[in-house]
Protein backbone atom coordinates (compact mmCIF):
# COMPACT_ATOMS: atom_id res chain seq x y z
CA MET A 1 17.46 -4.15 11.09
CA LYS A 2 15.73 -1.11 10.51
CA TYR A 3 14.36 0.42 7.50
CA LEU A 4 15.04 4.27 7.49
CA TRP A 5 11.47 5.22 7.76
CA VAL A 6 11.11 3.99 11.14
CA LYS A 7 14.46 4.03 12.95
CA TYR A 8 13.95 7.12 14.42
CA ILE A 9 10.39 6.33 15.94
CA LYS A 10 10.62 6.50 19.89
CA ILE A 11 9.01 3.76 22.08
CA CYS A 12 5.23 5.40 22.78
CA VAL A 13 3.67 4.79 25.91
CA PHE A 14 0.43 2.91 24.96
CA ALA A 15 -2.95 3.22 26.32
CA SER A 16 -4.11 0.10 27.95
CA VAL A 17 -4.55 -2.63 25.25
CA PHE A 18 -7.96 -3.16 24.19
CA ALA A 19 -9.73 -1.47 27.58
CA TRP A 20 -13.06 -1.02 25.76
CA ALA A 21 -14.86 -0.16 29.19
CA ASP A 22 -12.96 2.45 29.45
CA ILE A 23 -14.77 5.48 27.87
CA SER A 24 -11.69 8.23 28.05
CA CYS A 25 -9.43 5.72 25.94
CA ALA A 26 -11.76 4.67 23.82
CA GLU A 27 -12.04 8.57 22.62
CA SER A 28 -7.60 8.69 21.99
CA TYR A 29 -6.09 8.36 18.95
CA ASP A 30 -3.67 5.74 21.17
CA CYS A 31 -6.49 3.23 21.85
CA ARG A 32 -7.96 4.06 18.38
CA ALA A 33 -5.03 2.33 17.07
CA GLU A 34 -5.11 -0.78 19.58
CA ILE A 35 -9.10 -1.51 17.89
CA SER A 36 -8.04 -0.99 14.98
CA TRP A 37 -5.15 -3.45 14.86
CA LYS A 38 -7.60 -5.95 16.20
CA MET A 39 -10.14 -5.16 13.89
CA LEU A 40 -8.41 -5.70 11.20
CA TRP A 41 -6.95 -8.89 12.31
CA GLU A 42 -10.05 -9.86 12.97
CA HIS A 43 -12.27 -8.26 10.52
CA PHE A 44 -9.92 -7.43 6.99
CA TYR A 45 -7.89 -10.77 7.13
CA CYS A 46 -8.08 -13.83 5.42
CA PRO A 47 -5.93 -16.62 6.96
CA LYS A 48 -7.13 -18.67 3.84
CA THR A 49 -5.28 -16.23 1.53
CA SER A 50 -2.89 -14.37 4.53
CA MET A 51 -4.17 -11.25 2.58
CA PHE A 52 -5.95 -8.09 3.79
CA TYR A 53 -9.33 -6.60 1.60
CA ASP A 54 -10.18 -3.31 0.64
CA TYR A 55 -13.14 -3.42 2.96
CA VAL A 56 -16.33 -5.75 4.80
CA ASN A 57 -20.33 -6.04 4.15
CA SER A 58 -20.31 -6.60 7.72
CA TRP A 59 -18.88 -6.93 11.26
CA SER A 60 -20.32 -10.09 12.32
CA ARG A 61 -17.65 -12.98 11.97
CA GLY A 62 -17.30 -15.24 8.47
CA GLU A 63 -19.54 -12.69 6.94
CA GLU A 64 -16.97 -10.07 5.97
CA PHE A 65 -16.70 -10.76 3.01
CA LYS A 66 -20.12 -12.06 2.12
CA TYR A 67 -20.68 -9.87 -0.93
CA PHE A 68 -17.62 -10.22 -2.65
CA PRO A 69 -17.41 -12.02 -6.15
CA THR A 70 -17.68 -15.75 -6.89
CA PRO A 71 -15.03 -18.17 -8.46
CA LYS A 72 -17.36 -17.84 -11.43
CA GLU A 73 -17.67 -14.29 -11.66
CA ILE A 74 -14.18 -13.61 -11.34
CA SER A 75 -13.43 -16.91 -14.30
CA LYS A 76 -15.80 -13.79 -16.53
CA ASN A 77 -14.08 -10.69 -15.30
CA ILE A 78 -17.06 -9.73 -13.49
CA PRO A 79 -17.68 -6.72 -13.50
CA THR A 80 -13.96 -6.03 -15.23
CA PRO A 81 -10.76 -7.88 -15.66
CA MET A 82 -9.57 -5.61 -12.89
CA GLY A 83 -12.19 -6.52 -9.88
CA TYR A 84 -12.48 -2.69 -9.77
CA GLY A 85 -14.91 -2.27 -6.45
CA THR A 86 -15.32 -5.34 -5.27
CA GLY A 87 -13.10 -5.61 -2.50
CA MET A 88 -10.36 -7.37 -4.20
CA GLU A 89 -8.14 -4.95 -6.23
CA ASN A 90 -6.07 -3.78 -3.30
CA ALA A 91 -4.25 -6.80 -1.81
CA GLY A 92 -1.07 -5.78 -2.56
CA ILE A 93 -1.10 -2.01 -1.36
CA ASN A 94 -2.97 -3.02 1.61
CA ALA A 95 0.06 -5.45 2.38
CA ASP A 96 2.43 -2.40 1.99
CA LEU A 97 1.12 -0.30 4.48
CA MET A 98 0.08 -2.90 7.05
CA MET A 99 3.45 -4.18 6.94
CA ILE A 100 5.03 -0.50 7.29
CA ALA A 101 2.51 -0.41 9.98
CA THR A 102 3.52 -3.61 11.99
CA ILE A 103 7.54 -2.77 11.29
CA ALA A 104 6.80 0.59 13.09
CA LYS A 105 4.52 -1.14 15.93
CA TYR A 106 7.58 -3.43 16.59
CA ASN A 107 10.32 -0.27 16.63
CA ALA A 108 7.63 1.08 19.10
CA THR A 109 6.86 -1.54 21.41
CA SER A 110 9.66 -4.54 20.66
CA ASP A 111 7.24 -6.93 20.52
CA PRO A 112 8.66 -10.47 19.33
CA SER A 113 5.04 -12.05 18.32
CA LEU A 114 5.32 -9.14 15.63
CA ALA A 115 8.01 -11.28 13.41
CA ASP A 116 5.29 -13.51 13.09
CA SER A 117 2.62 -10.89 11.89
CA ALA A 118 4.85 -9.72 9.69
CA LYS A 119 5.50 -13.39 7.77
CA LYS A 120 1.66 -13.01 7.59
CA ILE A 121 1.78 -10.45 5.71
CA PHE A 122 4.76 -11.83 3.42
CA ASP A 123 2.92 -14.89 3.12
CA GLY A 124 -0.33 -12.80 1.42
CA ILE A 125 2.41 -11.22 -0.46
CA TRP A 126 4.07 -14.09 -1.63
CA ASN A 127 0.51 -15.79 -2.61
CA CYS A 128 0.09 -13.07 -4.44
CA VAL A 129 3.52 -13.16 -6.78
CA MET A 130 4.80 -16.49 -7.06
CA ALA A 131 1.73 -18.67 -5.96
CA HIS A 132 0.08 -19.06 -9.78
CA GLN A 133 1.09 -20.20 -13.06
CA ASN A 134 3.32 -16.73 -13.81
CA PRO A 135 5.24 -16.51 -10.58
CA GLY A 136 6.72 -12.62 -10.36
CA PHE A 137 3.30 -10.96 -11.88
CA VAL A 138 1.66 -9.03 -9.03
CA LEU A 139 -1.99 -10.41 -8.43
CA ARG A 140 -4.46 -7.70 -7.09
CA GLY A 141 -5.17 -10.13 -4.79
CA LYS A 142 -7.45 -13.88 -4.56
CA CYS A 143 -10.43 -14.75 -3.65
CA PRO A 144 -11.39 -15.66 -0.50
CA PHE A 145 -14.31 -18.33 -0.66
CA ASP A 146 -11.89 -20.28 -2.67
CA ALA A 147 -8.14 -18.67 -2.60
CA SER A 148 -7.44 -19.13 -5.82
CA SER A 149 -9.68 -17.52 -8.32
CA TYR A 150 -7.80 -13.94 -9.62
CA TYR A 151 -9.06 -11.26 -11.97
CA PRO A 152 -5.91 -11.12 -14.48
CA VAL A 153 -5.52 -7.36 -14.68
CA SER A 154 -2.75 -5.46 -11.95
CA SER A 155 -1.52 -2.12 -12.09
CA ARG A 156 1.72 -0.81 -11.56
CA ASP A 157 0.79 0.94 -8.01
CA GLN A 158 0.41 -2.83 -6.62
CA VAL A 159 3.77 -3.91 -7.91
CA THR A 160 4.96 -0.45 -6.45
CA GLU A 161 3.69 -0.97 -2.79
CA VAL A 162 4.16 -5.24 -2.79
CA VAL A 163 7.92 -4.12 -4.34
CA ASN A 164 7.97 -1.84 -0.96
CA ALA A 165 6.44 -4.47 1.33
CA ALA A 166 8.84 -7.30 -0.03
CA PHE A 167 12.09 -4.82 0.86
CA LEU A 168 10.72 -4.01 3.89
CA TYR A 169 10.38 -7.61 5.04
CA HIS A 170 13.72 -8.30 4.24
CA GLN A 171 14.84 -6.09 5.85
CA PHE A 172 13.04 -6.45 8.85
CA THR A 173 12.87 -10.36 9.64
CA PRO A 174 15.65 -12.07 11.55
CA SER A 175 14.60 -15.57 10.17
CA SER A 176 17.13 -16.47 7.52
CA ALA A 177 15.13 -18.16 5.59
CA GLU A 178 12.67 -15.65 5.68
CA LYS A 179 15.18 -13.36 3.82
CA LEU A 180 16.18 -15.23 1.47
CA ARG A 181 12.35 -16.00 0.44
CA ALA A 182 11.78 -12.36 0.31
CA GLY A 183 14.73 -11.90 -1.90
CA ARG A 184 13.77 -14.55 -4.48
CA LEU A 185 10.41 -12.82 -4.82
CA LEU A 186 12.12 -9.41 -5.57
CA ARG A 187 14.23 -11.00 -8.02
CA ALA A 188 11.20 -12.38 -9.57
CA ILE A 189 9.30 -9.51 -10.11
CA ALA A 190 12.16 -7.98 -11.31
CA ASP A 191 12.94 -10.78 -13.69
CA HIS A 192 9.31 -10.60 -14.73
CA GLN A 193 9.73 -6.91 -15.83
CA MET A 194 12.71 -7.70 -17.94
CA ARG A 195 11.02 -10.00 -19.87
CA THR A 196 7.94 -8.05 -20.02
CA VAL A 197 8.21 -4.49 -20.30
CA LYS A 198 9.45 -3.82 -23.56
CA ALA A 199 9.18 -1.16 -26.27
CA GLU A 200 7.26 -3.96 -28.55
CA ASN A 201 4.47 -4.34 -25.70
CA GLY A 202 4.35 -1.03 -25.32
CA TYR A 203 6.42 -1.39 -22.04
CA ASN A 204 3.45 -2.96 -20.52
CA PHE A 205 4.11 -6.07 -17.95
CA LEU A 206 1.41 -7.76 -20.39
CA ASP A 207 -1.91 -9.75 -17.50
CA ALA A 208 -1.79 -12.50 -15.51
CA TYR A 209 -1.95 -14.84 -18.51
CA GLY A 210 1.47 -12.83 -20.70
CA LYS A 211 -0.91 -11.35 -22.39
CA LEU A 212 -1.43 -7.88 -23.42
CA GLN A 213 -4.99 -6.44 -22.86
CA LYS A 214 -6.73 -5.28 -25.72
CA TRP A 215 -8.85 -2.60 -23.58
CA GLN A 216 -6.77 0.07 -23.26
CA ARG A 217 -7.28 1.22 -19.79
CA ALA A 218 -6.79 -2.26 -18.33
CA ALA A 219 -3.31 -2.24 -20.70
CA ASP A 220 -2.56 1.15 -19.53
CA LEU A 221 -2.44 0.12 -16.11
CA SER A 222 0.39 -1.87 -16.55
CA LYS A 223 2.33 0.22 -18.36
CA MET A 224 6.15 0.91 -16.69
CA TRP A 225 7.12 3.64 -19.04
CA GLU A 226 6.48 6.14 -21.08
CA VAL A 227 4.28 7.32 -18.63
CA ALA A 228 3.45 10.04 -16.57
CA PRO A 229 5.95 12.37 -14.30
CA HIS A 230 4.88 10.74 -11.03
CA GLU A 231 5.02 7.33 -12.38
CA ALA A 232 8.42 7.04 -13.85
CA ALA A 233 10.12 6.02 -11.10
CA ARG A 234 8.51 2.65 -10.69
CA LEU A 235 10.56 0.83 -13.35
CA PRO A 236 13.88 1.53 -11.81
CA MET A 237 12.22 1.17 -8.19
CA VAL A 238 11.84 -2.32 -9.02
CA TYR A 239 15.12 -3.21 -10.26
CA ILE A 240 16.97 -1.37 -7.46
CA ALA A 241 15.32 -3.28 -5.13
CA ALA A 242 16.44 -6.43 -6.52
CA TYR A 243 19.55 -5.21 -6.51
CA ALA A 244 19.72 -3.79 -3.26
CA VAL A 245 18.75 -7.94 -2.06
CA SER A 246 20.87 -9.73 -4.57
CA LYS A 247 24.17 -8.00 -5.61
CA ASP A 248 23.39 -9.07 -8.89
CA GLN A 249 24.22 -6.82 -11.30
CA LYS A 250 22.03 -6.71 -14.32
CA TYR A 251 19.46 -5.35 -11.82
CA LEU A 252 22.13 -2.68 -10.85
CA LYS A 253 22.65 -2.60 -14.96
CA GLU A 254 18.51 -2.36 -15.83
CA TYR A 255 18.45 0.40 -13.21
CA THR A 256 20.51 2.74 -14.76
CA LYS A 257 19.17 2.41 -17.49
CA TYR A 258 16.30 4.35 -16.87
CA SER A 259 17.19 5.62 -13.24
CA SER A 260 18.36 9.15 -14.80
CA ALA A 261 15.66 9.68 -17.58
CA ALA A 262 13.04 9.04 -14.16
CA LEU A 263 14.13 10.92 -11.88
CA GLU A 264 14.75 14.28 -14.39
CA GLN A 265 10.53 13.59 -15.08
CA THR A 266 9.39 13.16 -11.78
CA LEU A 267 11.01 16.63 -10.98
CA ASP A 268 7.77 17.73 -13.12
CA PHE A 269 4.91 15.89 -11.19
CA SER A 270 1.94 17.64 -10.66
CA ASN A 271 0.25 19.21 -7.88
CA LYS A 272 -2.96 17.79 -8.84
CA LEU A 273 -2.21 14.54 -8.72
CA PRO A 274 -5.07 12.11 -6.95
CA PRO A 275 -4.05 11.32 -3.60
CA TRP A 276 -3.00 7.41 -3.97
CA ALA A 277 -1.22 8.59 -7.27
CA HIS A 278 0.69 11.07 -4.90
CA TRP A 279 1.96 8.42 -2.44
CA GLN A 280 3.02 5.73 -4.40
CA MET A 281 5.06 8.36 -6.05
CA HIS A 282 6.52 9.56 -2.99
CA LEU A 283 7.21 5.67 -1.79
CA SER A 284 9.01 4.79 -5.18
CA ILE A 285 11.27 7.91 -4.98
CA ARG A 286 11.85 7.26 -1.07
CA LEU A 287 12.98 3.78 -2.03
CA ILE A 288 15.45 4.60 -4.28
CA TRP A 289 16.33 7.61 -2.00
CA GLU A 290 17.17 4.88 -0.01
CA LEU A 291 18.91 2.39 -1.74
CA THR A 292 21.33 3.76 -5.10
CA PRO A 293 24.66 4.36 -4.97
CA ASN A 294 24.82 7.78 -7.26
CA GLU A 295 24.79 10.77 -5.02
CA ASP A 296 23.75 12.91 -7.70
CA GLU A 297 20.48 10.71 -7.62
CA ARG A 298 20.19 10.95 -4.53
CA ASN A 299 20.30 14.12 -4.38
CA ILE A 300 17.71 14.90 -6.82
CA CYS A 301 15.52 12.40 -4.82
CA ALA A 302 15.84 14.37 -1.86
CA ASN A 303 14.69 17.24 -3.40
CA ILE A 304 11.35 15.57 -5.14
CA LEU A 305 10.29 14.23 -1.33
CA SER A 306 10.75 17.90 -0.02
CA ARG A 307 8.30 19.12 -2.22
CA SER A 308 6.28 15.93 -1.87
CA LYS A 309 6.06 16.83 1.27
CA SER A 310 5.07 20.36 1.04
CA LEU A 311 2.43 18.99 -1.41
CA GLY A 312 1.08 17.06 1.55
CA LEU A 313 1.29 19.23 4.40
CA LYS A 314 -0.77 21.49 1.64
CA ARG A 315 -3.75 18.65 1.09
CA ILE A 316 -4.18 17.37 4.87
CA SER A 317 -6.38 20.30 5.89
CA PRO A 318 -8.97 20.44 2.89
CA ALA A 319 -8.65 16.31 2.69
CA LEU A 320 -9.71 16.44 6.24
CA LYS A 321 -12.52 19.25 5.86
CA ARG A 322 -14.01 16.92 3.06
CA TRP A 323 -14.01 13.73 5.43
CA SER A 324 -15.41 15.82 8.30
CA SER A 325 -18.20 16.96 6.27
CA LEU A 326 -19.48 13.70 5.54
CA PRO A 327 -22.69 12.80 8.25
CA ASP A 328 -21.69 9.88 10.00
CA ASN A 329 -23.95 7.35 8.98
CA THR A 330 -22.33 7.71 5.41
CA LYS A 331 -18.60 7.77 6.91
CA TYR A 332 -18.91 4.59 8.47
CA MET A 333 -21.12 2.77 6.44
CA LEU A 334 -20.29 -0.87 5.71
CA ALA A 335 -19.49 -1.72 2.18
CA PRO A 336 -22.69 -2.32 0.01
CA ASN A 337 -23.22 -5.00 -2.54
CA TRP A 338 -21.41 -4.10 -5.78
CA ARG A 339 -23.72 -5.86 -7.98
CA SER A 340 -26.08 -3.18 -6.54
CA SER A 341 -28.19 -0.82 -8.76
CA ASP A 342 -28.92 1.93 -5.92
CA LYS A 343 -26.89 4.49 -7.48
CA ASP A 344 -27.18 6.68 -4.40
CA LEU A 345 -25.63 4.39 -1.91
CA MET A 346 -22.82 3.50 -4.74
CA LYS A 347 -22.46 7.16 -4.86
CA ARG A 348 -22.00 7.66 -0.98
CA TRP A 349 -19.87 4.97 -0.75
CA ARG A 350 -17.16 6.18 -3.39
CA GLN A 351 -17.57 9.35 -1.10
CA VAL A 352 -16.48 6.78 1.85
CA TRP A 353 -13.34 5.18 0.14
CA PHE A 354 -11.88 8.55 -1.80
CA ALA A 355 -12.42 10.74 1.05
CA SER A 356 -11.11 8.19 3.92
CA GLU A 357 -8.10 7.99 2.65
CA ALA A 358 -7.13 11.53 1.22
CA PRO A 359 -6.12 13.15 4.89
CA ALA A 360 -3.85 9.81 5.24
CA TYR A 361 -2.21 9.48 2.15
CA ALA A 362 -1.14 13.46 2.22
CA ALA A 363 0.09 12.38 5.70
CA MET A 364 1.88 9.85 5.14
CA THR A 365 3.87 11.86 2.37
CA VAL A 366 4.72 13.96 5.60
CA ALA A 367 5.62 11.39 8.07
CA CYS A 368 7.87 9.55 5.52
CA GLY A 369 10.99 11.51 4.56
CA THR A 370 14.36 11.70 4.61
CA GLU A 371 14.73 12.29 8.23
CA LYS A 372 12.40 12.05 11.12
CA MET A 373 9.57 14.71 11.05
CA SER A 374 10.15 17.79 12.83
CA LYS A 375 7.91 18.86 16.17
CA GLU A 376 5.44 21.09 13.90
CA ASP A 377 4.41 18.46 11.56
CA ALA A 378 4.71 15.58 13.97
CA ASN A 379 1.76 18.02 15.48
CA VAL A 380 -0.02 18.02 12.27
CA VAL A 381 -0.03 14.32 11.95
CA ARG A 382 -1.21 13.84 14.96
CA GLY A 383 -4.17 16.52 15.24
CA LEU A 384 -5.33 14.49 12.46
CA LEU A 385 -5.41 10.78 14.13
CA GLU A 386 -7.09 12.66 17.01
CA GLN A 387 -9.50 13.55 14.88
CA VAL A 388 -10.45 10.97 12.43
CA GLN A 389 -11.94 7.87 14.04
CA TYR A 390 -10.67 5.59 11.83
CA ASP A 391 -11.67 2.83 14.41
CA LYS A 392 -14.84 2.80 12.67
CA ILE A 393 -14.36 2.91 9.18
CA ALA A 394 -15.00 -0.55 7.18
CA GLY A 395 -12.99 0.58 4.09
CA GLN A 396 -9.09 0.04 3.70
CA ALA A 397 -8.41 3.32 5.21
CA MET A 398 -8.03 1.54 8.37
CA ILE A 399 -5.03 0.65 7.33
CA TYR A 400 -3.59 4.15 6.63
CA TYR A 401 -4.55 5.52 9.58
CA LEU A 402 -2.99 2.80 11.29
CA ALA A 403 0.26 2.77 9.87
CA LEU A 404 0.22 6.36 10.22
CA TYR A 405 -0.39 6.49 13.96
CA TYR A 406 2.87 3.95 14.65
CA ILE A 407 5.01 5.76 12.08
CA SER A 408 4.66 8.89 13.75
CA CYS A 409 4.70 7.69 17.13
CA LEU A 410 7.27 10.04 19.03
């Protein structure tokens, strides 16, 4: 039942849960994890959609999403068809990191209530993939106000992380009905990719309405083949996951059509990748390493993952320095209204957005390898967790650090 990333995690001894008055506990990374877990479910999670959003505008209950786009703005693709910067662009990505954290927490604590937590996360994924007019298309998220409005343009990044999260859930859930539901969702994504990712569409999975976006930037985000080296494995990843849960040979056939070329291309990945792109490349290769029936491909994946981990180790320190250099009133600022014309304010928020995530992304590539972390690597990761007060961050980076904490718990 345990996914290989987390099955090596040993049971931790956690600080007393929610001991808010204990100053020494509040300073420890153990207590930060428990605080963050509570804050994410209370403030970032929306029960109406079962989704975790990108940030909060307020810590007051009921006002967390007060500046999010309205259904009317969404219907007009304001500010863009992707909804960039609105807080609605990464629900799929957030679900994956939260699923990783939840399953890892279960393996550390054996808390049976975490099965329900994982189901809630998967309910949000289902809402993004199956509960709309184009099942199999992975939405970025739905509006927390009406629980139905959405932006039409998604991305291969969302697909990558949603496939990973759904596969994790399929392996984790003890419920036969839930396994069937997760398998159905993975097959739906694969079937949608098979229908749309073709040469005549520019190998693009189109938008939520089945149209190829005329705006080149939007079209590029949904391109799954003939892409950069770090993106090449995303398409075969979709197919091998669907095959793993169904044993339907049509998915293995599609996987085989792309896998060899994809891995050869990935070997040429750049050391200058953005942090999120580095992590998502690692993620796609990690899943293929786990599932491919081809031993030669498995060895290539192991080589890529080793190089990716080395890059991650090099990136943690400089990324942490960039984050640490920001003043506290910037680090822990609440997300501003995306409609603001205050350029300085928006620049500060973008600094928080990117700088807060980068160290965690780098560390995730170290923590999620082909074997459990060495003592030296674990010390590097734990050192990062000790230095970042991630329970104060108002953006989705809090999720990444929480996931990192649980999967690196020794």
